[in-house]
Amino acid sequence: INDYIKLSYETNNLINLSINSINRITNEHNVLTMELEKKQIPKNKKLKIKEEFINLKLPEEFKLIETHKELYLHGMEQKNCVYTRRREIEDGLSAIYSLNYEGGVYTLEIFKRKNKFAIKEIKAKYNEFANKEVINFVEKSLKAV
């Protein structure tokens, strides 16, 4: 629901208040995502990522997404709307990583809570939930930094 509202705002569409099912909101979300994707790919401008996220020493499976173009293309590849998170990134609230783990690619949003880094969201392609093994790997990696 939150992503749908952000997408409505980003695409200058009114929020449909008559939605009354999960399937309907998913469809509306997907239509707005496609509309956002119709816009040209952003320039390769650097995201304003907070230094503490840049300096994280994570295993090689993690790749920090550093530019608007990378963020946009990652969303296209993963079929998600991660590009709508750019404001949170530039406000210093979180960072997005692409995680390649055992043949799968995941979108990982990390934030800082009580001076420790934590998972805000981790999703596989098409916004599928990551399995417990992937989540455990990420949590273990974050505890090590």
N, C-alpha and C. Protein backbone atom coordinates (compact mmCIF):
# COMPACT_ATOMS: atom_id res chain seq x y z
N ILE A 1 0.84 -1.20 0.00
CA ILE A 1 0.00 0.00 0.00
C ILE A 1 0.87 1.25 0.00
N ASN A 2 1.92 1.21 0.82
CA ASN A 2 2.82 2.35 0.91
C ASN A 2 3.48 2.64 -0.44
N ASP A 3 3.95 1.58 -1.11
CA ASP A 3 4.56 1.75 -2.44
C ASP A 3 3.55 2.29 -3.44
N TYR A 4 2.32 1.82 -3.38
CA TYR A 4 1.27 2.30 -4.29
C TYR A 4 1.07 3.81 -4.10
N ILE A 5 1.03 4.26 -2.85
CA ILE A 5 0.83 5.68 -2.57
C ILE A 5 2.01 6.50 -3.10
N LYS A 6 3.24 6.01 -2.86
CA LYS A 6 4.43 6.71 -3.38
C LYS A 6 4.40 6.78 -4.91
N LEU A 7 4.03 5.67 -5.54
CA LEU A 7 3.97 5.64 -7.00
C LEU A 7 2.91 6.59 -7.53
N SER A 8 1.77 6.66 -6.86
CA SER A 8 0.72 7.60 -7.27
C SER A 8 1.24 9.03 -7.24
N TYR A 9 1.96 9.35 -6.17
CA TYR A 9 2.54 10.68 -6.03
C TYR A 9 3.58 10.94 -7.13
N GLU A 10 4.47 9.97 -7.34
CA GLU A 10 5.56 10.14 -8.32
C GLU A 10 5.05 10.26 -9.75
N THR A 11 3.93 9.64 -10.05
CA THR A 11 3.41 9.67 -11.42
C THR A 11 2.28 10.69 -11.58
N ASN A 12 2.05 11.47 -10.54
CA ASN A 12 0.99 12.50 -10.54
C ASN A 12 -0.39 11.91 -10.83
N ASN A 13 -0.66 10.74 -10.27
CA ASN A 13 -1.97 10.11 -10.40
C ASN A 13 -2.70 10.21 -9.07
N LEU A 14 -4.01 10.28 -9.17
CA LEU A 14 -4.82 10.28 -7.95
C LEU A 14 -4.81 8.91 -7.32
N ILE A 15 -4.88 8.87 -6.01
CA ILE A 15 -4.94 7.60 -5.28
C ILE A 15 -6.36 7.07 -5.38
N ASN A 16 -6.50 5.84 -5.81
CA ASN A 16 -7.81 5.22 -5.97
C ASN A 16 -8.27 4.71 -4.61
N LEU A 17 -9.25 5.38 -4.02
CA LEU A 17 -9.74 5.02 -2.69
C LEU A 17 -10.78 3.90 -2.72
N SER A 18 -11.17 3.46 -3.92
CA SER A 18 -12.19 2.41 -4.01
C SER A 18 -11.58 1.01 -4.15
N ILE A 19 -10.29 0.90 -3.97
CA ILE A 19 -9.63 -0.41 -4.04
C ILE A 19 -10.02 -1.20 -2.79
N ASN A 20 -10.47 -2.43 -3.02
CA ASN A 20 -10.90 -3.23 -1.86
C ASN A 20 -10.36 -4.66 -1.88
N SER A 21 -9.29 -4.90 -2.64
CA SER A 21 -8.69 -6.23 -2.64
C SER A 21 -7.19 -6.13 -2.88
N ILE A 22 -6.49 -7.15 -2.42
CA ILE A 22 -5.04 -7.20 -2.62
C ILE A 22 -4.70 -7.29 -4.10
N ASN A 23 -5.45 -8.09 -4.86
CA ASN A 23 -5.19 -8.21 -6.30
C ASN A 23 -5.33 -6.87 -7.01
N ARG A 24 -6.34 -6.12 -6.64
CA ARG A 24 -6.58 -4.83 -7.29
C ARG A 24 -5.45 -3.84 -6.99
N ILE A 25 -5.02 -3.78 -5.73
CA ILE A 25 -3.94 -2.84 -5.40
C ILE A 25 -2.63 -3.29 -6.06
N THR A 26 -2.41 -4.61 -6.17
CA THR A 26 -1.23 -5.11 -6.86
C THR A 26 -1.26 -4.71 -8.33
N ASN A 27 -2.42 -4.84 -8.96
CA ASN A 27 -2.55 -4.44 -10.36
C ASN A 27 -2.33 -2.94 -10.54
N GLU A 28 -2.93 -2.14 -9.67
CA GLU A 28 -2.75 -0.67 -9.74
C GLU A 28 -1.27 -0.32 -9.55
N HIS A 29 -0.64 -0.97 -8.60
CA HIS A 29 0.79 -0.77 -8.33
C HIS A 29 1.60 -1.08 -9.58
N ASN A 30 1.31 -2.19 -10.24
CA ASN A 30 2.06 -2.60 -11.42
C ASN A 30 1.85 -1.64 -12.59
N VAL A 31 0.63 -1.13 -12.75
CA VAL A 31 0.35 -0.16 -13.81
C VAL A 31 1.16 1.12 -13.56
N LEU A 32 1.19 1.58 -12.32
CA LEU A 32 1.94 2.80 -12.01
C LEU A 32 3.44 2.58 -12.16
N THR A 33 3.92 1.38 -11.81
CA THR A 33 5.33 1.07 -11.99
C THR A 33 5.70 1.14 -13.47
N MET A 34 4.84 0.58 -14.32
CA MET A 34 5.10 0.63 -15.77
C MET A 34 5.09 2.07 -16.26
N GLU A 35 4.19 2.89 -15.74
CA GLU A 35 4.13 4.29 -16.14
C GLU A 35 5.42 5.02 -15.75
N LEU A 36 5.90 4.74 -14.56
CA LEU A 36 7.15 5.35 -14.10
C LEU A 36 8.31 4.90 -14.99
N GLU A 37 8.28 3.63 -15.41
CA GLU A 37 9.35 3.09 -16.25
C GLU A 37 9.34 3.68 -17.65
N LYS A 38 8.20 4.19 -18.09
CA LYS A 38 8.13 4.79 -19.42
C LYS A 38 9.00 6.04 -19.52
N LYS A 39 9.20 6.69 -18.39
CA LYS A 39 10.07 7.86 -18.41
C LYS A 39 11.47 7.41 -18.75
N GLN A 40 12.24 8.29 -19.30
CA GLN A 40 13.59 7.89 -19.69
C GLN A 40 14.42 7.51 -18.48
N ILE A 41 15.38 6.66 -18.72
CA ILE A 41 16.28 6.21 -17.66
C ILE A 41 17.02 7.43 -17.14
N PRO A 42 17.11 7.57 -15.83
CA PRO A 42 17.80 8.74 -15.26
C PRO A 42 19.26 8.80 -15.67
N LYS A 43 19.79 9.98 -15.59
CA LYS A 43 21.22 10.15 -15.87
C LYS A 43 22.01 9.40 -14.80
N ASN A 44 23.26 9.17 -15.09
CA ASN A 44 24.10 8.41 -14.19
C ASN A 44 24.60 9.26 -13.01
N LYS A 45 23.71 10.06 -12.47
CA LYS A 45 24.01 10.94 -11.35
C LYS A 45 24.14 10.12 -10.07
N LYS A 46 25.15 10.44 -9.27
CA LYS A 46 25.37 9.74 -8.01
C LYS A 46 24.25 10.02 -7.02
N LEU A 47 23.84 8.98 -6.30
CA LEU A 47 22.90 9.15 -5.19
C LEU A 47 23.67 9.75 -4.01
N LYS A 48 23.00 10.54 -3.21
CA LYS A 48 23.64 11.11 -2.02
C LYS A 48 23.46 10.11 -0.88
N ILE A 49 24.39 9.18 -0.80
CA ILE A 49 24.32 8.10 0.19
C ILE A 49 25.11 8.50 1.42
N LYS A 50 24.51 8.30 2.58
CA LYS A 50 25.18 8.62 3.83
C LYS A 50 26.47 7.80 3.95
N GLU A 51 27.52 8.46 4.39
CA GLU A 51 28.87 7.87 4.44
C GLU A 51 28.92 6.54 5.19
N GLU A 52 28.14 6.41 6.25
CA GLU A 52 28.19 5.16 7.03
C GLU A 52 27.73 3.95 6.21
N PHE A 53 26.86 4.15 5.24
CA PHE A 53 26.45 3.04 4.37
C PHE A 53 27.53 2.75 3.32
N ILE A 54 28.19 3.79 2.85
CA ILE A 54 29.26 3.62 1.86
C ILE A 54 30.43 2.84 2.47
N ASN A 55 30.71 3.10 3.73
CA ASN A 55 31.87 2.49 4.40
C ASN A 55 31.60 1.11 4.98
N LEU A 56 30.41 0.58 4.82
CA LEU A 56 30.12 -0.76 5.33
C LEU A 56 31.02 -1.79 4.68
N LYS A 57 31.62 -2.63 5.45
CA LYS A 57 32.50 -3.69 4.94
C LYS A 57 31.70 -4.99 4.89
N LEU A 58 31.00 -5.18 3.78
CA LEU A 58 30.16 -6.37 3.59
C LEU A 58 30.84 -7.35 2.65
N PRO A 59 30.46 -8.62 2.70
CA PRO A 59 31.05 -9.61 1.78
C PRO A 59 30.81 -9.23 0.31
N GLU A 60 31.55 -9.88 -0.56
CA GLU A 60 31.51 -9.55 -2.00
C GLU A 60 30.16 -9.80 -2.64
N GLU A 61 29.28 -10.57 -2.01
CA GLU A 61 27.95 -10.81 -2.56
C GLU A 61 27.08 -9.56 -2.56
N PHE A 62 27.46 -8.55 -1.77
CA PHE A 62 26.70 -7.31 -1.64
C PHE A 62 27.29 -6.25 -2.55
N LYS A 63 26.44 -5.56 -3.30
CA LYS A 63 26.91 -4.44 -4.12
C LYS A 63 26.04 -3.23 -3.82
N LEU A 64 26.67 -2.18 -3.32
CA LEU A 64 25.96 -0.94 -3.04
C LEU A 64 25.52 -0.32 -4.35
N ILE A 65 24.27 0.06 -4.43
CA ILE A 65 23.76 0.75 -5.62
C ILE A 65 24.00 2.24 -5.40
N GLU A 66 24.83 2.83 -6.27
CA GLU A 66 25.35 4.17 -6.03
C GLU A 66 24.80 5.28 -6.92
N THR A 67 24.17 4.93 -8.04
CA THR A 67 23.68 5.97 -8.95
C THR A 67 22.18 5.81 -9.20
N HIS A 68 21.58 6.89 -9.66
CA HIS A 68 20.16 6.84 -10.03
C HIS A 68 19.93 5.80 -11.11
N LYS A 69 20.83 5.75 -12.08
CA LYS A 69 20.68 4.80 -13.18
C LYS A 69 20.76 3.36 -12.68
N GLU A 70 21.74 3.06 -11.81
CA GLU A 70 21.84 1.70 -11.25
C GLU A 70 20.58 1.31 -10.49
N LEU A 71 20.06 2.25 -9.71
CA LEU A 71 18.85 1.99 -8.92
C LEU A 71 17.67 1.70 -9.83
N TYR A 72 17.53 2.51 -10.85
CA TYR A 72 16.43 2.34 -11.80
C TYR A 72 16.55 1.00 -12.53
N LEU A 73 17.75 0.71 -13.05
CA LEU A 73 17.95 -0.53 -13.80
C LEU A 73 17.81 -1.77 -12.92
N HIS A 74 18.21 -1.66 -11.65
CA HIS A 74 18.02 -2.78 -10.73
C HIS A 74 16.53 -3.06 -10.55
N GLY A 75 15.75 -2.02 -10.43
CA GLY A 75 14.30 -2.19 -10.32
C GLY A 75 13.70 -2.82 -11.56
N MET A 76 14.20 -2.42 -12.73
CA MET A 76 13.72 -3.01 -13.99
C MET A 76 14.07 -4.50 -14.03
N GLU A 77 15.31 -4.82 -13.68
CA GLU A 77 15.76 -6.21 -13.71
C GLU A 77 14.99 -7.08 -12.71
N GLN A 78 14.76 -6.54 -11.53
CA GLN A 78 14.10 -7.31 -10.47
C GLN A 78 12.58 -7.21 -10.53
N LYS A 79 12.07 -6.37 -11.43
CA LYS A 79 10.62 -6.17 -11.57
C LYS A 79 10.02 -5.68 -10.26
N ASN A 80 10.65 -4.64 -9.70
CA ASN A 80 10.12 -4.02 -8.48
C ASN A 80 10.22 -2.50 -8.60
N CYS A 81 9.77 -1.82 -7.60
CA CYS A 81 9.74 -0.35 -7.66
C CYS A 81 10.77 0.26 -6.71
N VAL A 82 11.94 -0.35 -6.61
CA VAL A 82 12.98 0.13 -5.71
C VAL A 82 13.37 1.58 -6.01
N TYR A 83 13.16 2.04 -7.23
CA TYR A 83 13.53 3.41 -7.57
C TYR A 83 12.76 4.44 -6.72
N THR A 84 11.60 4.06 -6.22
CA THR A 84 10.84 4.99 -5.37
C THR A 84 11.51 5.21 -4.02
N ARG A 85 12.53 4.43 -3.69
CA ARG A 85 13.25 4.56 -2.41
C ARG A 85 14.35 5.61 -2.45
N ARG A 86 14.54 6.25 -3.60
CA ARG A 86 15.66 7.17 -3.73
C ARG A 86 15.59 8.34 -2.74
N ARG A 87 14.41 8.76 -2.36
CA ARG A 87 14.30 9.86 -1.39
C ARG A 87 14.81 9.43 -0.02
N GLU A 88 14.45 8.22 0.39
CA GLU A 88 14.94 7.70 1.68
C GLU A 88 16.46 7.59 1.67
N ILE A 89 17.00 7.17 0.52
CA ILE A 89 18.46 7.05 0.38
C ILE A 89 19.09 8.43 0.52
N GLU A 90 18.58 9.38 -0.23
CA GLU A 90 19.18 10.72 -0.25
C GLU A 90 18.93 11.50 1.04
N ASP A 91 17.95 11.06 1.82
CA ASP A 91 17.72 11.66 3.14
C ASP A 91 18.59 10.99 4.20
N GLY A 92 19.40 10.01 3.79
CA GLY A 92 20.32 9.34 4.71
C GLY A 92 19.68 8.29 5.59
N LEU A 93 18.46 7.88 5.26
CA LEU A 93 17.74 6.92 6.09
C LEU A 93 18.07 5.47 5.79
N SER A 94 18.50 5.19 4.56
CA SER A 94 18.78 3.80 4.18
C SER A 94 19.69 3.78 2.96
N ALA A 95 20.06 2.55 2.58
CA ALA A 95 20.84 2.33 1.36
C ALA A 95 20.33 1.05 0.73
N ILE A 96 20.47 0.97 -0.59
CA ILE A 96 20.02 -0.21 -1.33
C ILE A 96 21.24 -0.98 -1.83
N TYR A 97 21.19 -2.27 -1.62
CA TYR A 97 22.23 -3.16 -2.10
C TYR A 97 21.59 -4.21 -3.00
N SER A 98 22.35 -4.63 -3.99
CA SER A 98 21.98 -5.80 -4.78
C SER A 98 22.76 -6.95 -4.16
N LEU A 99 22.07 -8.01 -3.83
CA LEU A 99 22.70 -9.17 -3.21
C LEU A 99 22.63 -10.35 -4.17
N ASN A 100 23.78 -10.89 -4.52
CA ASN A 100 23.85 -12.10 -5.33
C ASN A 100 24.21 -13.24 -4.39
N TYR A 101 23.26 -14.14 -4.18
CA TYR A 101 23.48 -15.21 -3.21
C TYR A 101 22.96 -16.52 -3.77
N GLU A 102 23.85 -17.47 -3.93
CA GLU A 102 23.52 -18.81 -4.41
C GLU A 102 22.61 -18.81 -5.64
N GLY A 103 23.01 -18.01 -6.62
CA GLY A 103 22.30 -17.98 -7.89
C GLY A 103 21.10 -17.06 -7.95
N GLY A 104 20.72 -16.49 -6.84
CA GLY A 104 19.58 -15.57 -6.81
C GLY A 104 20.04 -14.13 -6.63
N VAL A 105 19.26 -13.21 -7.15
CA VAL A 105 19.53 -11.78 -6.98
C VAL A 105 18.42 -11.20 -6.12
N TYR A 106 18.81 -10.42 -5.12
CA TYR A 106 17.87 -9.85 -4.16
C TYR A 106 18.07 -8.35 -4.05
N THR A 107 17.00 -7.66 -3.77
CA THR A 107 17.04 -6.23 -3.48
C THR A 107 17.02 -6.09 -1.97
N LEU A 108 18.03 -5.45 -1.44
CA LEU A 108 18.19 -5.34 0.01
C LEU A 108 18.23 -3.87 0.41
N GLU A 109 17.35 -3.49 1.32
CA GLU A 109 17.38 -2.14 1.88
C GLU A 109 17.87 -2.26 3.32
N ILE A 110 18.94 -1.53 3.62
CA ILE A 110 19.54 -1.55 4.95
C ILE A 110 19.34 -0.18 5.60
N PHE A 111 19.03 -0.19 6.88
CA PHE A 111 18.93 1.05 7.64
C PHE A 111 19.68 0.87 8.96
N LYS A 112 19.79 1.94 9.71
CA LYS A 112 20.50 1.88 10.98
C LYS A 112 19.48 2.07 12.11
N ARG A 113 19.54 1.14 13.07
CA ARG A 113 18.63 1.21 14.22
C ARG A 113 19.46 0.98 15.47
N LYS A 114 19.40 1.93 16.38
CA LYS A 114 20.15 1.84 17.64
C LYS A 114 21.63 1.53 17.39
N ASN A 115 22.22 2.30 16.50
CA ASN A 115 23.64 2.19 16.15
C ASN A 115 24.04 0.85 15.54
N LYS A 116 23.08 0.08 15.05
CA LYS A 116 23.38 -1.18 14.37
C LYS A 116 22.66 -1.18 13.03
N PHE A 117 23.30 -1.79 12.05
CA PHE A 117 22.68 -1.91 10.74
C PHE A 117 21.73 -3.09 10.74
N ALA A 118 20.59 -2.91 10.05
CA ALA A 118 19.56 -3.96 10.03
C ALA A 118 18.87 -3.98 8.68
N ILE A 119 18.16 -5.07 8.43
CA ILE A 119 17.38 -5.22 7.21
C ILE A 119 16.09 -4.43 7.36
N LYS A 120 15.85 -3.54 6.44
CA LYS A 120 14.55 -2.88 6.38
C LYS A 120 13.62 -3.71 5.49
N GLU A 121 14.18 -4.17 4.36
CA GLU A 121 13.40 -5.02 3.45
C GLU A 121 14.37 -5.80 2.57
N ILE A 122 14.01 -7.04 2.31
CA ILE A 122 14.77 -7.86 1.36
C ILE A 122 13.78 -8.64 0.53
N LYS A 123 13.91 -8.50 -0.80
CA LYS A 123 12.98 -9.16 -1.70
C LYS A 123 13.74 -9.79 -2.87
N ALA A 124 13.17 -10.89 -3.35
CA ALA A 124 13.68 -11.54 -4.55
C ALA A 124 12.99 -10.88 -5.75
N LYS A 125 13.23 -11.41 -6.92
CA LYS A 125 12.60 -10.89 -8.14
C LYS A 125 11.08 -10.92 -7.99
N TYR A 126 10.41 -9.97 -8.60
CA TYR A 126 8.94 -9.82 -8.56
C TYR A 126 8.42 -9.59 -7.14
N ASN A 127 9.23 -9.00 -6.27
CA ASN A 127 8.84 -8.73 -4.89
C ASN A 127 8.52 -9.99 -4.08
N GLU A 128 9.07 -11.11 -4.51
CA GLU A 128 8.89 -12.36 -3.74
C GLU A 128 9.71 -12.26 -2.46
N PHE A 129 9.24 -12.92 -1.41
CA PHE A 129 9.96 -12.90 -0.15
C PHE A 129 11.22 -13.74 -0.25
N ALA A 130 12.27 -13.27 0.39
CA ALA A 130 13.52 -14.03 0.46
C ALA A 130 13.34 -15.18 1.44
N ASN A 131 14.03 -16.29 1.17
CA ASN A 131 13.91 -17.42 2.09
C ASN A 131 14.75 -17.18 3.34
N LYS A 132 14.52 -18.00 4.34
CA LYS A 132 15.16 -17.85 5.65
C LYS A 132 16.69 -17.93 5.55
N GLU A 133 17.20 -18.78 4.67
CA GLU A 133 18.65 -18.92 4.50
C GLU A 133 19.27 -17.60 4.05
N VAL A 134 18.64 -16.92 3.12
CA VAL A 134 19.14 -15.64 2.62
C VAL A 134 19.09 -14.60 3.74
N ILE A 135 17.98 -14.56 4.45
CA ILE A 135 17.83 -13.59 5.55
C ILE A 135 18.90 -13.83 6.62
N ASN A 136 19.12 -15.10 6.96
CA ASN A 136 20.15 -15.42 7.96
C ASN A 136 21.54 -14.99 7.50
N PHE A 137 21.85 -15.19 6.20
CA PHE A 137 23.13 -14.77 5.65
C PHE A 137 23.30 -13.25 5.79
N VAL A 138 22.27 -12.51 5.45
CA VAL A 138 22.34 -11.04 5.53
C VAL A 138 22.49 -10.60 6.98
N GLU A 139 21.68 -11.15 7.88
CA GLU A 139 21.76 -10.77 9.29
C GLU A 139 23.14 -11.06 9.87
N LYS A 140 23.70 -12.21 9.54
CA LYS A 140 25.03 -12.58 10.01
C LYS A 140 26.08 -11.61 9.46
N SER A 141 25.95 -11.25 8.19
CA SER A 141 26.89 -10.31 7.57
C SER A 141 26.81 -8.93 8.21
N LEU A 142 25.59 -8.49 8.54
CA LEU A 142 25.42 -7.17 9.16
C LEU A 142 25.96 -7.15 10.59
N LYS A 143 25.81 -8.26 11.30
CA LYS A 143 26.34 -8.34 12.68
C LYS A 143 27.86 -8.27 12.69
N ALA A 144 28.48 -8.72 11.61
CA ALA A 144 29.95 -8.76 11.54
C ALA A 144 30.57 -7.39 11.27
N VAL A 145 29.77 -6.40 10.90
CA VAL A 145 30.34 -5.06 10.60
C VAL A 145 30.30 -4.16 11.81
